[in-house]
Amino acid sequence: MSYTINTLHRKVMRRVYYSFCVRILTSRTFMHVALFALGLYGVKVMVHVASVVKNLQSVQVGNLDTFLFNTFVHTHFLTLLSVGVVIYTLISFNYSVFKAPKTRRTQTV
């Protein structure tokens, strides 16, 4: 008798754990964090930050805007895509958390 109760308990709890994991993995916040991490990883792999900082320090203050413009114009498409993903996730996460209207779930009988 105790064997079947323990087996039933394990099966039920396994389903509870699966549903909890699916709920977490499909949440809006998790998707934003995963996309943000993927974008940062792409930037990390494709951009040598020390070289960018070194070149940025050699630019005169008045020419900073042209340096940044030329940096983005002459970079690879995947680097631009990674930077765009990072910026998009930051903006959309802020919008979805702070500015999105809160909807109330109502139960229909």
PDB file of N, CA and C in Angstrom:
ATOM      1  N   MET A   1       0.823  -1.193   0.000  1.00  0.00           N
ATOM      2  CA  MET A   1       0.000   0.000   0.000  1.00  0.00           C
ATOM      3  C   MET A   1       0.866   1.255   0.000  1.00  0.00           C
ATOM      4  N   SER A   2       1.903   1.257   0.826  1.00  0.00           N
ATOM      5  CA  SER A   2       2.746   2.436   0.920  1.00  0.00           C
ATOM      6  C   SER A   2       3.532   2.641  -0.374  1.00  0.00           C
ATOM      7  N   TYR A   3       3.833   1.539  -1.068  1.00  0.00           N
ATOM      8  CA  TYR A   3       4.550   1.654  -2.345  1.00  0.00           C
ATOM      9  C   TYR A   3       3.708   2.408  -3.374  1.00  0.00           C
ATOM     10  N   THR A   4       2.448   2.135  -3.461  1.00  0.00           N
ATOM     11  CA  THR A   4       1.602   2.807  -4.440  1.00  0.00           C
ATOM     12  C   THR A   4       1.373   4.266  -4.071  1.00  0.00           C
ATOM     13  N   ILE A   5       1.293   4.557  -2.789  1.00  0.00           N
ATOM     14  CA  ILE A   5       1.126   5.950  -2.358  1.00  0.00           C
ATOM     15  C   ILE A   5       2.379   6.753  -2.703  1.00  0.00           C
ATOM     16  N   ASN A   6       3.546   6.166  -2.435  1.00  0.00           N
ATOM     17  CA  ASN A   6       4.798   6.863  -2.769  1.00  0.00           C
ATOM     18  C   ASN A   6       4.948   7.036  -4.275  1.00  0.00           C
ATOM     19  N   THR A   7       4.586   6.029  -5.039  1.00  0.00           N
ATOM     20  CA  THR A   7       4.664   6.113  -6.488  1.00  0.00           C
ATOM     21  C   THR A   7       3.704   7.176  -7.013  1.00  0.00           C
ATOM     22  N   LEU A   8       2.494   7.175  -6.489  1.00  0.00           N
ATOM     23  CA  LEU A   8       1.524   8.190  -6.891  1.00  0.00           C
ATOM     24  C   LEU A   8       2.012   9.590  -6.513  1.00  0.00           C
ATOM     25  N   HIS A   9       2.571   9.719  -5.333  1.00  0.00           N
ATOM     26  CA  HIS A   9       3.089  11.011  -4.883  1.00  0.00           C
ATOM     27  C   HIS A   9       4.194  11.490  -5.819  1.00  0.00           C
ATOM     28  N   ARG A  10       5.099  10.598  -6.190  1.00  0.00           N
ATOM     29  CA  ARG A  10       6.185  10.984  -7.098  1.00  0.00           C
ATOM     30  C   ARG A  10       5.667  11.412  -8.462  1.00  0.00           C
ATOM     31  N   LYS A  11       4.705  10.675  -8.988  1.00  0.00           N
ATOM     32  CA  LYS A  11       4.158  11.017 -10.297  1.00  0.00           C
ATOM     33  C   LYS A  11       3.445  12.363 -10.270  1.00  0.00           C
ATOM     34  N   VAL A  12       2.686  12.599  -9.222  1.00  0.00           N
ATOM     35  CA  VAL A  12       1.984  13.876  -9.107  1.00  0.00           C
ATOM     36  C   VAL A  12       2.973  15.020  -8.958  1.00  0.00           C
ATOM     37  N   MET A  13       3.972  14.840  -8.105  1.00  0.00           N
ATOM     38  CA  MET A  13       4.947  15.913  -7.897  1.00  0.00           C
ATOM     39  C   MET A  13       5.788  16.144  -9.151  1.00  0.00           C
ATOM     40  N   ARG A  14       6.071  15.101  -9.921  1.00  0.00           N
ATOM     41  CA  ARG A  14       6.798  15.278 -11.168  1.00  0.00           C
ATOM     42  C   ARG A  14       6.003  16.154 -12.130  1.00  0.00           C
ATOM     43  N   ARG A  15       4.697  15.946 -12.195  1.00  0.00           N
ATOM     44  CA  ARG A  15       3.852  16.778 -13.045  1.00  0.00           C
ATOM     45  C   ARG A  15       3.813  18.212 -12.542  1.00  0.00           C
ATOM     46  N   VAL A  16       3.791  18.377 -11.242  1.00  0.00           N
ATOM     47  CA  VAL A  16       3.808  19.729 -10.666  1.00  0.00           C
ATOM     48  C   VAL A  16       5.116  20.431 -11.021  1.00  0.00           C
ATOM     49  N   TYR A  17       6.233  19.726 -10.899  1.00  0.00           N
ATOM     50  CA  TYR A  17       7.526  20.318 -11.238  1.00  0.00           C
ATOM     51  C   TYR A  17       7.608  20.664 -12.718  1.00  0.00           C
ATOM     52  N   TYR A  18       7.109  19.785 -13.586  1.00  0.00           N
ATOM     53  CA  TYR A  18       7.107  20.067 -15.028  1.00  0.00           C
ATOM     54  C   TYR A  18       6.274  21.302 -15.338  1.00  0.00           C
ATOM     55  N   SER A  19       5.109  21.387 -14.762  1.00  0.00           N
ATOM     56  CA  SER A  19       4.261  22.546 -15.042  1.00  0.00           C
ATOM     57  C   SER A  19       4.890  23.825 -14.500  1.00  0.00           C
ATOM     58  N   PHE A  20       5.558  23.739 -13.361  1.00  0.00           N
ATOM     59  CA  PHE A  20       6.247  24.906 -12.810  1.00  0.00           C
ATOM     60  C   PHE A  20       7.379  25.347 -13.730  1.00  0.00           C
ATOM     61  N   CYS A  21       8.166  24.388 -14.224  1.00  0.00           N
ATOM     62  CA  CYS A  21       9.268  24.733 -15.135  1.00  0.00           C
ATOM     63  C   CYS A  21       8.755  25.328 -16.443  1.00  0.00           C
ATOM     64  N   VAL A  22       7.695  24.777 -16.973  1.00  0.00           N
ATOM     65  CA  VAL A  22       7.125  25.322 -18.206  1.00  0.00           C
ATOM     66  C   VAL A  22       6.618  26.738 -17.971  1.00  0.00           C
ATOM     67  N   ARG A  23       6.002  26.962 -16.822  1.00  0.00           N
ATOM     68  CA  ARG A  23       5.497  28.301 -16.508  1.00  0.00           C
ATOM     69  C   ARG A  23       6.641  29.305 -16.399  1.00  0.00           C
ATOM     70  N   ILE A  24       7.726  28.912 -15.766  1.00  0.00           N
ATOM     71  CA  ILE A  24       8.874  29.810 -15.632  1.00  0.00           C
ATOM     72  C   ILE A  24       9.517  30.064 -16.997  1.00  0.00           C
ATOM     73  N   LEU A  25       9.715  29.005 -17.787  1.00  0.00           N
ATOM     74  CA  LEU A  25      10.399  29.149 -19.075  1.00  0.00           C
ATOM     75  C   LEU A  25       9.587  29.937 -20.090  1.00  0.00           C
ATOM     76  N   THR A  26       8.285  29.976 -19.943  1.00  0.00           N
ATOM     77  CA  THR A  26       7.462  30.729 -20.887  1.00  0.00           C
ATOM     78  C   THR A  26       7.046  32.096 -20.356  1.00  0.00           C
ATOM     79  N   SER A  27       7.577  32.474 -19.220  1.00  0.00           N
ATOM     80  CA  SER A  27       7.212  33.785 -18.677  1.00  0.00           C
ATOM     81  C   SER A  27       7.877  34.898 -19.480  1.00  0.00           C
ATOM     82  N   ARG A  28       7.266  36.047 -19.472  1.00  0.00           N
ATOM     83  CA  ARG A  28       7.751  37.194 -20.231  1.00  0.00           C
ATOM     84  C   ARG A  28       9.110  37.668 -19.708  1.00  0.00           C
ATOM     85  N   THR A  29       9.286  37.654 -18.401  1.00  0.00           N
ATOM     86  CA  THR A  29      10.541  38.107 -17.812  1.00  0.00           C
ATOM     87  C   THR A  29      11.684  37.183 -18.196  1.00  0.00           C
ATOM     88  N   PHE A  30      11.451  35.875 -18.145  1.00  0.00           N
ATOM     89  CA  PHE A  30      12.502  34.928 -18.512  1.00  0.00           C
ATOM     90  C   PHE A  30      12.900  35.111 -19.973  1.00  0.00           C
ATOM     91  N   MET A  31      11.920  35.327 -20.834  1.00  0.00           N
ATOM     92  CA  MET A  31      12.229  35.533 -22.251  1.00  0.00           C
ATOM     93  C   MET A  31      13.077  36.792 -22.454  1.00  0.00           C
ATOM     94  N   HIS A  32      12.749  37.865 -21.738  1.00  0.00           N
ATOM     95  CA  HIS A  32      13.544  39.088 -21.847  1.00  0.00           C
ATOM     96  C   HIS A  32      14.971  38.862 -21.347  1.00  0.00           C
ATOM     97  N   VAL A  33      15.101  38.204 -20.214  1.00  0.00           N
ATOM     98  CA  VAL A  33      16.436  37.978 -19.651  1.00  0.00           C
ATOM     99  C   VAL A  33      17.256  37.064 -20.561  1.00  0.00           C
ATOM    100  N   ALA A  34      16.639  36.026 -21.110  1.00  0.00           N
ATOM    101  CA  ALA A  34      17.358  35.119 -21.997  1.00  0.00           C
ATOM    102  C   ALA A  34      17.788  35.832 -23.277  1.00  0.00           C
ATOM    103  N   LEU A  35      16.914  36.640 -23.847  1.00  0.00           N
ATOM    104  CA  LEU A  35      17.249  37.381 -25.060  1.00  0.00           C
ATOM    105  C   LEU A  35      18.327  38.427 -24.789  1.00  0.00           C
ATOM    106  N   PHE A  36      18.259  39.075 -23.635  1.00  0.00           N
ATOM    107  CA  PHE A  36      19.276  40.053 -23.241  1.00  0.00           C
ATOM    108  C   PHE A  36      20.632  39.368 -23.072  1.00  0.00           C
ATOM    109  N   ALA A  37      20.650  38.221 -22.406  1.00  0.00           N
ATOM    110  CA  ALA A  37      21.906  37.491 -22.210  1.00  0.00           C
ATOM    111  C   ALA A  37      22.481  37.015 -23.546  1.00  0.00           C
ATOM    112  N   LEU A  38      21.616  36.570 -24.439  1.00  0.00           N
ATOM    113  CA  LEU A  38      22.069  36.139 -25.752  1.00  0.00           C
ATOM    114  C   LEU A  38      22.668  37.310 -26.535  1.00  0.00           C
ATOM    115  N   GLY A  39      22.040  38.474 -26.456  1.00  0.00           N
ATOM    116  CA  GLY A  39      22.574  39.661 -27.125  1.00  0.00           C
ATOM    117  C   GLY A  39      23.903  40.098 -26.540  1.00  0.00           C
ATOM    118  N   LEU A  40      24.007  40.079 -25.216  1.00  0.00           N
ATOM    119  CA  LEU A  40      25.281  40.446 -24.586  1.00  0.00           C
ATOM    120  C   LEU A  40      26.383  39.459 -24.939  1.00  0.00           C
ATOM    121  N   TYR A  41      26.036  38.183 -25.001  1.00  0.00           N
ATOM    122  CA  TYR A  41      27.031  37.192 -25.394  1.00  0.00           C
ATOM    123  C   TYR A  41      27.495  37.443 -26.837  1.00  0.00           C
ATOM    124  N   GLY A  42      26.559  37.784 -27.715  1.00  0.00           N
ATOM    125  CA  GLY A  42      26.931  38.093 -29.093  1.00  0.00           C
ATOM    126  C   GLY A  42      27.850  39.296 -29.180  1.00  0.00           C
ATOM    127  N   VAL A  43      27.564  40.322 -28.407  1.00  0.00           N
ATOM    128  CA  VAL A  43      28.432  41.507 -28.388  1.00  0.00           C
ATOM    129  C   VAL A  43      29.800  41.138 -27.828  1.00  0.00           C
ATOM    130  N   LYS A  44      29.813  40.319 -26.782  1.00  0.00           N
ATOM    131  CA  LYS A  44      31.080  39.914 -26.168  1.00  0.00           C
ATOM    132  C   LYS A  44      31.951  39.133 -27.136  1.00  0.00           C
ATOM    133  N   VAL A  45      31.337  38.255 -27.913  1.00  0.00           N
ATOM    134  CA  VAL A  45      32.101  37.432 -28.848  1.00  0.00           C
ATOM    135  C   VAL A  45      32.615  38.254 -30.027  1.00  0.00           C
ATOM    136  N   MET A  46      31.816  39.202 -30.509  1.00  0.00           N
ATOM    137  CA  MET A  46      32.161  39.901 -31.746  1.00  0.00           C
ATOM    138  C   MET A  46      32.917  41.209 -31.556  1.00  0.00           C
ATOM    139  N   VAL A  47      32.899  41.782 -30.374  1.00  0.00           N
ATOM    140  CA  VAL A  47      33.518  43.093 -30.171  1.00  0.00           C
ATOM    141  C   VAL A  47      34.644  42.958 -29.152  1.00  0.00           C
ATOM    142  N   HIS A  48      35.801  43.499 -29.495  1.00  0.00           N
ATOM    143  CA  HIS A  48      36.918  43.562 -28.554  1.00  0.00           C
ATOM    144  C   HIS A  48      36.809  44.903 -27.836  1.00  0.00           C
ATOM    145  N   VAL A  49      36.263  44.865 -26.632  1.00  0.00           N
ATOM    146  CA  VAL A  49      35.909  46.080 -25.903  1.00  0.00           C
ATOM    147  C   VAL A  49      37.141  46.915 -25.579  1.00  0.00           C
ATOM    148  N   ALA A  50      38.266  46.269 -25.281  1.00  0.00           N
ATOM    149  CA  ALA A  50      39.482  47.020 -24.949  1.00  0.00           C
ATOM    150  C   ALA A  50      39.932  47.880 -26.134  1.00  0.00           C
ATOM    151  N   SER A  51      39.800  47.367 -27.339  1.00  0.00           N
ATOM    152  CA  SER A  51      40.175  48.154 -28.525  1.00  0.00           C
ATOM    153  C   SER A  51      39.224  49.326 -28.736  1.00  0.00           C
ATOM    154  N   VAL A  52      37.951  49.100 -28.484  1.00  0.00           N
ATOM    155  CA  VAL A  52      36.975  50.178 -28.637  1.00  0.00           C
ATOM    156  C   VAL A  52      37.261  51.290 -27.627  1.00  0.00           C
ATOM    157  N   VAL A  53      37.546  50.923 -26.387  1.00  0.00           N
ATOM    158  CA  VAL A  53      37.854  51.925 -25.358  1.00  0.00           C
ATOM    159  C   VAL A  53      39.146  52.661 -25.693  1.00  0.00           C
ATOM    160  N   LYS A  54      40.147  51.927 -26.167  1.00  0.00           N
ATOM    161  CA  LYS A  54      41.422  52.565 -26.546  1.00  0.00           C
ATOM    162  C   LYS A  54      41.208  53.562 -27.687  1.00  0.00           C
ATOM    163  N   ASN A  55      40.431  53.173 -28.694  1.00  0.00           N
ATOM    164  CA  ASN A  55      40.150  54.091 -29.808  1.00  0.00           C
ATOM    165  C   ASN A  55      39.281  55.262 -29.363  1.00  0.00           C
ATOM    166  N   LEU A  56      38.381  55.007 -28.439  1.00  0.00           N
ATOM    167  CA  LEU A  56      37.512  56.069 -27.929  1.00  0.00           C
ATOM    168  C   LEU A  56      38.311  57.112 -27.159  1.00  0.00           C
ATOM    169  N   GLN A  57      39.334  56.681 -26.460  1.00  0.00           N
ATOM    170  CA  GLN A  57      40.168  57.620 -25.705  1.00  0.00           C
ATOM    171  C   GLN A  57      41.028  58.488 -26.603  1.00  0.00           C
ATOM    172  N   SER A  58      41.326  58.012 -27.803  1.00  0.00           N
ATOM    173  CA  SER A  58      42.168  58.796 -28.712  1.00  0.00           C
ATOM    174  C   SER A  58      41.376  59.812 -29.534  1.00  0.00           C
ATOM    175  N   VAL A  59      40.062  59.800 -29.420  1.00  0.00           N
ATOM    176  CA  VAL A  59      39.214  60.716 -30.183  1.00  0.00           C
ATOM    177  C   VAL A  59      39.070  62.028 -29.419  1.00  0.00           C
ATOM    178  N   GLN A  60      39.112  63.142 -30.165  1.00  0.00           N
ATOM    179  CA  GLN A  60      38.892  64.438 -29.536  1.00  0.00           C
ATOM    180  C   GLN A  60      37.406  64.564 -29.180  1.00  0.00           C
ATOM    181  N   VAL A  61      37.108  65.364 -28.188  1.00  0.00           N
ATOM    182  CA  VAL A  61      35.749  65.476 -27.673  1.00  0.00           C
ATOM    183  C   VAL A  61      34.789  65.966 -28.755  1.00  0.00           C
ATOM    184  N   GLY A  62      35.191  66.857 -29.588  1.00  0.00           N
ATOM    185  CA  GLY A  62      34.315  67.395 -30.622  1.00  0.00           C
ATOM    186  C   GLY A  62      34.000  66.393 -31.726  1.00  0.00           C
ATOM    187  N   ASN A  63      34.844  65.375 -31.881  1.00  0.00           N
ATOM    188  CA  ASN A  63      34.655  64.391 -32.934  1.00  0.00           C
ATOM    189  C   ASN A  63      34.019  63.096 -32.426  1.00  0.00           C
ATOM    190  N   LEU A  64      33.472  63.116 -31.249  1.00  0.00           N
ATOM    191  CA  LEU A  64      32.908  61.903 -30.658  1.00  0.00           C
ATOM    192  C   LEU A  64      31.698  61.405 -31.434  1.00  0.00           C
ATOM    193  N   ASP A  65      30.863  62.310 -31.902  1.00  0.00           N
ATOM    194  CA  ASP A  65      29.672  61.884 -32.637  1.00  0.00           C
ATOM    195  C   ASP A  65      30.033  61.225 -33.961  1.00  0.00           C
ATOM    196  N   THR A  66      31.014  61.778 -34.673  1.00  0.00           N
ATOM    197  CA  THR A  66      31.421  61.150 -35.933  1.00  0.00           C
ATOM    198  C   THR A  66      32.121  59.814 -35.693  1.00  0.00           C
ATOM    199  N   PHE A  67      32.863  59.706 -34.593  1.00  0.00           N
ATOM    200  CA  PHE A  67      33.507  58.433 -34.271  1.00  0.00           C
ATOM    201  C   PHE A  67      32.460  57.353 -34.010  1.00  0.00           C
ATOM    202  N   LEU A  68      31.448  57.674 -33.217  1.00  0.00           N
ATOM    203  CA  LEU A  68      30.407  56.696 -32.918  1.00  0.00           C
ATOM    204  C   LEU A  68      29.615  56.334 -34.175  1.00  0.00           C
ATOM    205  N   PHE A  69      29.332  57.328 -35.008  1.00  0.00           N
ATOM    206  CA  PHE A  69      28.616  57.058 -36.247  1.00  0.00           C
ATOM    207  C   PHE A  69      29.431  56.134 -37.152  1.00  0.00           C
ATOM    208  N   ASN A  70      30.710  56.456 -37.333  1.00  0.00           N
ATOM    209  CA  ASN A  70      31.570  55.625 -38.191  1.00  0.00           C
ATOM    210  C   ASN A  70      31.780  54.237 -37.600  1.00  0.00           C
ATOM    211  N   THR A  71      31.797  54.139 -36.292  1.00  0.00           N
ATOM    212  CA  THR A  71      31.941  52.833 -35.655  1.00  0.00           C
ATOM    213  C   THR A  71      30.757  51.941 -35.992  1.00  0.00           C
ATOM    214  N   PHE A  72      29.551  52.476 -35.908  1.00  0.00           N
ATOM    215  CA  PHE A  72      28.375  51.672 -36.211  1.00  0.00           C
ATOM    216  C   PHE A  72      28.199  51.425 -37.700  1.00  0.00           C
ATOM    217  N   VAL A  73      28.619  52.364 -38.532  1.00  0.00           N
ATOM    218  CA  VAL A  73      28.464  52.195 -39.977  1.00  0.00           C
ATOM    219  C   VAL A  73      29.423  51.127 -40.505  1.00  0.00           C
ATOM    220  N   HIS A  74      30.626  51.063 -39.966  1.00  0.00           N
ATOM    221  CA  HIS A  74      31.639  50.153 -40.494  1.00  0.00           C
ATOM    222  C   HIS A  74      31.756  48.850 -39.713  1.00  0.00           C
ATOM    223  N   THR A  75      30.745  48.470 -38.982  1.00  0.00           N
ATOM    224  CA  THR A  75      30.792  47.213 -38.238  1.00  0.00           C
ATOM    225  C   THR A  75      30.044  46.130 -38.998  1.00  0.00           C
ATOM    226  N   HIS A  76      30.143  44.926 -38.524  1.00  0.00           N
ATOM    227  CA  HIS A  76      29.474  43.789 -39.157  1.00  0.00           C
ATOM    228  C   HIS A  76      27.991  43.773 -38.814  1.00  0.00           C
ATOM    229  N   PHE A  77      27.226  43.121 -39.673  1.00  0.00           N
ATOM    230  CA  PHE A  77      25.780  43.051 -39.480  1.00  0.00           C
ATOM    231  C   PHE A  77      25.420  42.324 -38.188  1.00  0.00           C
ATOM    232  N   LEU A  78      26.107  41.239 -37.885  1.00  0.00           N
ATOM    233  CA  LEU A  78      25.777  40.480 -36.677  1.00  0.00           C
ATOM    234  C   LEU A  78      26.064  41.272 -35.400  1.00  0.00           C
ATOM    235  N   THR A  79      27.085  42.110 -35.437  1.00  0.00           N
ATOM    236  CA  THR A  79      27.356  42.969 -34.285  1.00  0.00           C
ATOM    237  C   THR A  79      26.234  43.978 -34.108  1.00  0.00           C
ATOM    238  N   LEU A  80      25.789  44.582 -35.210  1.00  0.00           N
ATOM    239  CA  LEU A  80      24.661  45.511 -35.134  1.00  0.00           C
ATOM    240  C   LEU A  80      23.403  44.806 -34.642  1.00  0.00           C
ATOM    241  N   LEU A  81      23.182  43.590 -35.103  1.00  0.00           N
ATOM    242  CA  LEU A  81      22.030  42.817 -34.665  1.00  0.00           C
ATOM    243  C   LEU A  81      22.094  42.526 -33.172  1.00  0.00           C
ATOM    244  N   SER A  82      23.264  42.166 -32.665  1.00  0.00           N
ATOM    245  CA  SER A  82      23.416  41.893 -31.232  1.00  0.00           C
ATOM    246  C   SER A  82      23.180  43.147 -30.403  1.00  0.00           C
ATOM    247  N   VAL A  83      23.723  44.266 -30.836  1.00  0.00           N
ATOM    248  CA  VAL A  83      23.505  45.524 -30.121  1.00  0.00           C
ATOM    249  C   VAL A  83      22.028  45.909 -30.179  1.00  0.00           C
ATOM    250  N   GLY A  84      21.403  45.703 -31.328  1.00  0.00           N
ATOM    251  CA  GLY A  84      19.977  45.987 -31.455  1.00  0.00           C
ATOM    252  C   GLY A  84      19.129  45.115 -30.548  1.00  0.00           C
ATOM    253  N   VAL A  85      19.483  43.842 -30.419  1.00  0.00           N
ATOM    254  CA  VAL A  85      18.747  42.940 -29.523  1.00  0.00           C
ATOM    255  C   VAL A  85      18.872  43.396 -28.082  1.00  0.00           C
ATOM    256  N   VAL A  86      20.065  43.806 -27.681  1.00  0.00           N
ATOM    257  CA  VAL A  86      20.266  44.287 -26.306  1.00  0.00           C
ATOM    258  C   VAL A  86      19.435  45.537 -26.049  1.00  0.00           C
ATOM    259  N   ILE A  87      19.472  46.481 -26.969  1.00  0.00           N
ATOM    260  CA  ILE A  87      18.704  47.720 -26.796  1.00  0.00           C
ATOM    261  C   ILE A  87      17.208  47.431 -26.806  1.00  0.00           C
ATOM    262  N   TYR A  88      16.759  46.577 -27.718  1.00  0.00           N
ATOM    263  CA  TYR A  88      15.339  46.228 -27.796  1.00  0.00           C
ATOM    264  C   TYR A  88      14.849  45.566 -26.512  1.00  0.00           C
ATOM    265  N   THR A  89      15.626  44.636 -25.979  1.00  0.00           N
ATOM    266  CA  THR A  89      15.176  43.956 -24.759  1.00  0.00           C
ATOM    267  C   THR A  89      15.140  44.908 -23.576  1.00  0.00           C
ATOM    268  N   LEU A  90      16.081  45.829 -23.511  1.00  0.00           N
ATOM    269  CA  LEU A  90      16.046  46.808 -22.414  1.00  0.00           C
ATOM    270  C   LEU A  90      14.805  47.690 -22.509  1.00  0.00           C
ATOM    271  N   ILE A  91      14.506  48.167 -23.699  1.00  0.00           N
ATOM    272  CA  ILE A  91      13.346  49.049 -23.871  1.00  0.00           C
ATOM    273  C   ILE A  91      12.048  48.276 -23.661  1.00  0.00           C
ATOM    274  N   SER A  92      11.937  47.103 -24.267  1.00  0.00           N
ATOM    275  CA  SER A  92      10.681  46.359 -24.148  1.00  0.00           C
ATOM    276  C   SER A  92      10.470  45.816 -22.750  1.00  0.00           C
ATOM    277  N   PHE A  93      11.540  45.456 -22.045  1.00  0.00           N
ATOM    278  CA  PHE A  93      11.384  44.991 -20.663  1.00  0.00           C
ATOM    279  C   PHE A  93      10.896  46.120 -19.774  1.00  0.00           C
ATOM    280  N   ASN A  94      11.476  47.303 -19.944  1.00  0.00           N
ATOM    281  CA  ASN A  94      11.014  48.446 -19.157  1.00  0.00           C
ATOM    282  C   ASN A  94       9.565  48.768 -19.457  1.00  0.00           C
ATOM    283  N   TYR A  95       9.180  48.675 -20.719  1.00  0.00           N
ATOM    284  CA  TYR A  95       7.796  48.951 -21.075  1.00  0.00           C
ATOM    285  C   TYR A  95       6.856  47.900 -20.488  1.00  0.00           C
ATOM    286  N   SER A  96       7.229  46.638 -20.610  1.00  0.00           N
ATOM    287  CA  SER A  96       6.323  45.581 -20.147  1.00  0.00           C
ATOM    288  C   SER A  96       6.204  45.548 -18.627  1.00  0.00           C
ATOM    289  N   VAL A  97       7.225  45.962 -17.924  1.00  0.00           N
ATOM    290  CA  VAL A  97       7.163  45.924 -16.462  1.00  0.00           C
ATOM    291  C   VAL A  97       6.546  47.194 -15.893  1.00  0.00           C
ATOM    292  N   PHE A  98       6.956  48.345 -16.378  1.00  0.00           N
ATOM    293  CA  PHE A  98       6.569  49.595 -15.730  1.00  0.00           C
ATOM    294  C   PHE A  98       5.412  50.327 -16.399  1.00  0.00           C
ATOM    295  N   LYS A  99       5.266  50.218 -17.712  1.00  0.00           N
ATOM    296  CA  LYS A  99       4.284  51.044 -18.391  1.00  0.00           C
ATOM    297  C   LYS A  99       3.112  50.277 -18.979  1.00  0.00           C
ATOM    298  N   ALA A 100       3.197  48.986 -19.054  1.00  0.00           N
ATOM    299  CA  ALA A 100       2.110  48.206 -19.646  1.00  0.00           C
ATOM    300  C   ALA A 100       0.908  48.217 -18.708  1.00  0.00           C
ATOM    301  N   PRO A 101      -0.273  48.334 -19.258  1.00  0.00           N
ATOM    302  CA  PRO A 101      -1.456  48.335 -18.390  1.00  0.00           C
ATOM    303  C   PRO A 101      -1.631  46.968 -17.735  1.00  0.00           C
ATOM    304  N   LYS A 102      -1.956  47.012 -16.486  1.00  0.00           N
ATOM    305  CA  LYS A 102      -2.153  45.776 -15.740  1.00  0.00           C
ATOM    306  C   LYS A 102      -3.548  45.242 -16.031  1.00  0.00           C
ATOM    307  N   THR A 103      -3.600  44.022 -16.504  1.00  0.00           N
ATOM    308  CA  THR A 103      -4.894  43.414 -16.778  1.00  0.00           C
ATOM    309  C   THR A 103      -5.282  42.543 -15.598  1.00  0.00           C
ATOM    310  N   ARG A 104      -6.542  42.476 -15.383  1.00  0.00           N
ATOM    311  CA  ARG A 104      -7.057  41.703 -14.262  1.00  0.00           C
ATOM    312  C   ARG A 104      -7.720  40.441 -14.812  1.00  0.00           C
ATOM    313  N   ARG A 105      -7.322  39.333 -14.300  1.00  0.00           N
ATOM    314  CA  ARG A 105      -7.907  38.080 -14.755  1.00  0.00           C
ATOM    315  C   ARG A 105      -9.230  37.872 -14.023  1.00  0.00           C
ATOM    316  N   THR A 106     -10.254  37.632 -14.800  1.00  0.00           N
ATOM    317  CA  THR A 106     -11.546  37.368 -14.201  1.00  0.00           C
ATOM    318  C   THR A 106     -11.960  35.955 -14.487  1.00  0.00           C
ATOM    319  N   GLN A 107     -12.594  35.381 -13.563  1.00  0.00           N
ATOM    320  CA  GLN A 107     -13.015  33.987 -13.715  1.00  0.00           C
ATOM    321  C   GLN A 107     -14.458  33.968 -14.172  1.00  0.00           C
ATOM    322  N   THR A 108     -14.702  33.237 -15.245  1.00  0.00           N
ATOM    323  CA  THR A 108     -16.075  33.112 -15.734  1.00  0.00           C
ATOM    324  C   THR A 108     -16.688  31.833 -15.188  1.00  0.00           C
ATOM    325  N   VAL A 109     -17.916  31.923 -14.822  1.00  0.00           N
ATOM    326  CA  VAL A 109     -18.593  30.766 -14.244  1.00  0.00           C
ATOM    327  C   VAL A 109     -19.552  30.177 -15.230  1.00  0.00           C
TER     328      VAL A 109
END
